[in-house]
Amino acid sequence: MAFNNQHRSEDNNIQKVISKLISKSELPLSQVFSKEDLYLPGFAANLVASDLQEKMKITQLRKIFDMIEQAVVLARNDKFEKAQETLFMVVPNVAYATGRGLIEPRSFNDLIQGCINEKRIKTKDDVETLFRFLQSVVAYKKK
């Protein structure tokens, strides 16, 4: 998994979360993020949302979140392979939107690549973790 760490210093909080992902690169997502990271102020989801506050429109974030929500429904209905495929489709969609300038900061693309790959999404719990993470990002962004 390749990350582009050449982003502006304004994306510092997202870079902190990406660094955590890199340092735990062999672990599935459900073992990377703690409950604090998922829900509490000052931790991963809140930090990401603070970097997105003025830069990304909520409609773009909701589009990504909706795809992840579809994957969760599939995983909860014992269709893990289809859920995994749905999540893997998020990666090129985010890359495309980033390339078109619809998603800022660009480091958000790196974050998605760090969260969604074959090493991170191995079980239903990993799908649930990604869902909870993005759910919190959306909630914190709206505050």
Protein backbone atom coordinates (compact mmCIF):
# COMPACT_ATOMS: atom_id res chain seq x y z
CA MET A 1 0.00 0.00 0.00
CA ALA A 2 1.51 3.27 -1.10
CA PHE A 3 0.79 6.52 0.62
CA ASN A 4 1.67 9.94 -0.64
CA ASN A 5 2.95 11.87 2.35
CA GLN A 6 3.58 15.03 0.31
CA HIS A 7 0.39 16.80 1.46
CA ARG A 8 0.04 20.25 2.93
CA SER A 9 0.58 20.70 6.64
CA GLU A 10 -3.10 21.68 6.92
CA ASP A 11 -3.91 17.97 6.55
CA ASN A 12 -1.88 17.22 9.67
CA ASN A 13 -4.64 15.38 11.53
CA ILE A 14 -5.37 13.07 8.60
CA GLN A 15 -1.63 12.46 8.32
CA LYS A 16 -1.57 11.36 11.98
CA VAL A 17 -4.28 8.78 11.27
CA ILE A 18 -2.46 7.64 8.10
CA SER A 19 0.72 7.23 10.17
CA LYS A 20 -1.17 5.01 12.59
CA LEU A 21 -2.43 2.92 9.66
CA ILE A 22 1.10 2.60 8.26
CA SER A 23 2.54 1.60 11.62
CA LYS A 24 -0.03 -1.19 11.88
CA SER A 25 0.00 -2.13 8.20
CA GLU A 26 -0.37 -5.88 8.74
CA LEU A 27 -3.40 -5.67 11.02
CA PRO A 28 -7.05 -5.84 9.95
CA LEU A 29 -8.97 -2.61 10.47
CA SER A 30 -10.89 -3.89 13.49
CA GLN A 31 -7.54 -4.21 15.31
CA VAL A 32 -6.19 -0.81 14.24
CA PHE A 33 -8.85 1.54 15.58
CA SER A 34 -9.77 1.53 19.25
CA LYS A 35 -13.22 2.48 20.52
CA GLU A 36 -11.72 5.85 21.44
CA ASP A 37 -10.50 6.32 17.85
CA LEU A 38 -13.99 5.61 16.56
CA TYR A 39 -16.01 7.81 18.87
CA LEU A 40 -14.21 10.28 21.15
CA PRO A 41 -13.12 13.88 20.57
CA GLY A 42 -9.39 14.20 20.00
CA PHE A 43 -9.06 10.74 18.48
CA ALA A 44 -8.98 9.45 14.87
CA ALA A 45 -12.53 10.08 13.58
CA ASN A 46 -12.71 13.51 15.20
CA LEU A 47 -9.25 14.44 13.90
CA VAL A 48 -10.16 13.47 10.34
CA ALA A 49 -13.43 15.41 10.53
CA SER A 50 -11.61 18.52 11.73
CA ASP A 51 -9.36 18.42 8.64
CA LEU A 52 -12.39 18.01 6.40
CA GLN A 53 -14.44 20.76 8.05
CA GLU A 54 -13.88 23.53 5.49
CA LYS A 55 -12.48 21.47 2.63
CA MET A 56 -14.89 18.69 1.71
CA LYS A 57 -18.57 19.10 1.00
CA ILE A 58 -20.79 16.89 3.12
CA THR A 59 -22.44 15.56 -0.06
CA GLN A 60 -19.15 14.02 -1.20
CA LEU A 61 -18.55 12.47 2.21
CA ARG A 62 -22.13 11.14 2.27
CA LYS A 63 -21.63 9.45 -1.13
CA ILE A 64 -18.65 7.55 0.26
CA PHE A 65 -20.47 6.78 3.49
CA ASP A 66 -23.51 5.47 1.58
CA MET A 67 -21.36 2.93 -0.27
CA ILE A 68 -19.84 1.80 3.01
CA GLU A 69 -23.31 1.55 4.52
CA GLN A 70 -24.35 -0.74 1.64
CA ALA A 71 -21.36 -2.95 2.41
CA VAL A 72 -22.36 -3.18 6.08
CA VAL A 73 -25.86 -4.32 5.15
CA LEU A 74 -24.37 -7.02 2.93
CA ALA A 75 -21.93 -8.14 5.64
CA ARG A 76 -24.71 -8.30 8.23
CA ASN A 77 -26.66 -10.53 5.84
CA ASP A 78 -23.74 -12.97 5.56
CA LYS A 79 -22.66 -11.73 2.13
CA PHE A 80 -19.12 -10.83 3.13
CA GLU A 81 -17.49 -11.29 -0.29
CA LYS A 82 -20.04 -8.96 -1.88
CA ALA A 83 -19.54 -6.50 1.00
CA GLN A 84 -15.79 -6.62 0.49
CA GLU A 85 -16.20 -6.01 -3.24
CA THR A 86 -18.48 -3.04 -2.55
CA LEU A 87 -15.84 -1.56 -0.25
CA PHE A 88 -13.06 -2.16 -2.76
CA MET A 89 -15.14 -0.15 -5.28
CA VAL A 90 -14.97 2.83 -2.93
CA VAL A 91 -11.21 3.17 -3.52
CA PRO A 92 -11.34 3.99 -7.27
CA ASN A 93 -14.44 6.16 -6.75
CA VAL A 94 -12.60 8.28 -4.18
CA ALA A 95 -9.50 8.43 -6.40
CA TYR A 96 -11.63 9.61 -9.33
CA ALA A 97 -13.41 12.27 -7.26
CA THR A 98 -10.06 13.42 -5.85
CA GLY A 99 -8.63 13.70 -9.35
CA ARG A 100 -11.60 15.81 -10.41
CA GLY A 101 -11.06 18.12 -7.44
CA LEU A 102 -14.32 17.12 -5.75
CA ILE A 103 -12.56 15.75 -2.67
CA GLU A 104 -10.22 17.89 -0.64
CA PRO A 105 -7.86 17.41 1.04
CA ARG A 106 -6.07 14.96 -1.25
CA SER A 107 -4.78 13.09 1.80
CA PHE A 108 -8.35 11.80 2.29
CA ASN A 109 -7.71 9.55 -0.72
CA ASP A 110 -4.64 8.13 1.05
CA LEU A 111 -6.70 7.58 4.18
CA ILE A 112 -9.31 5.59 2.25
CA GLN A 113 -6.58 3.52 0.59
CA GLY A 114 -5.11 2.84 4.01
CA CYS A 115 -8.45 1.72 5.42
CA ILE A 116 -9.78 -0.27 2.48
CA ASN A 117 -7.51 -2.97 1.09
CA GLU A 118 -7.10 -6.73 1.18
CA LYS A 119 -5.12 -6.64 4.46
CA ARG A 120 -7.59 -4.39 6.27
CA ILE A 121 -10.96 -5.84 5.27
CA LYS A 122 -10.87 -9.53 6.19
CA THR A 123 -13.98 -10.03 8.32
CA LYS A 124 -17.42 -8.65 9.06
CA ASP A 125 -15.88 -6.86 12.08
CA ASP A 126 -13.56 -4.94 9.77
CA VAL A 127 -16.52 -3.80 7.66
CA GLU A 128 -18.34 -2.72 10.83
CA THR A 129 -15.25 -0.84 12.06
CA LEU A 130 -14.95 1.10 8.81
CA PHE A 131 -18.66 1.91 8.96
CA ARG A 132 -18.41 3.20 12.54
CA PHE A 133 -15.30 5.21 11.72
CA LEU A 134 -16.91 6.99 8.75
CA GLN A 135 -20.19 7.36 10.63
CA SER A 136 -18.33 9.29 13.32
CA VAL A 137 -16.44 11.37 10.75
CA VAL A 138 -19.76 12.38 9.15
CA ALA A 139 -21.24 13.21 12.57
CA TYR A 140 -18.24 15.29 13.66
CA LYS A 141 -18.13 17.07 10.30
CA LYS A 142 -21.74 18.17 10.70
CA LYS A 143 -21.25 19.70 14.14
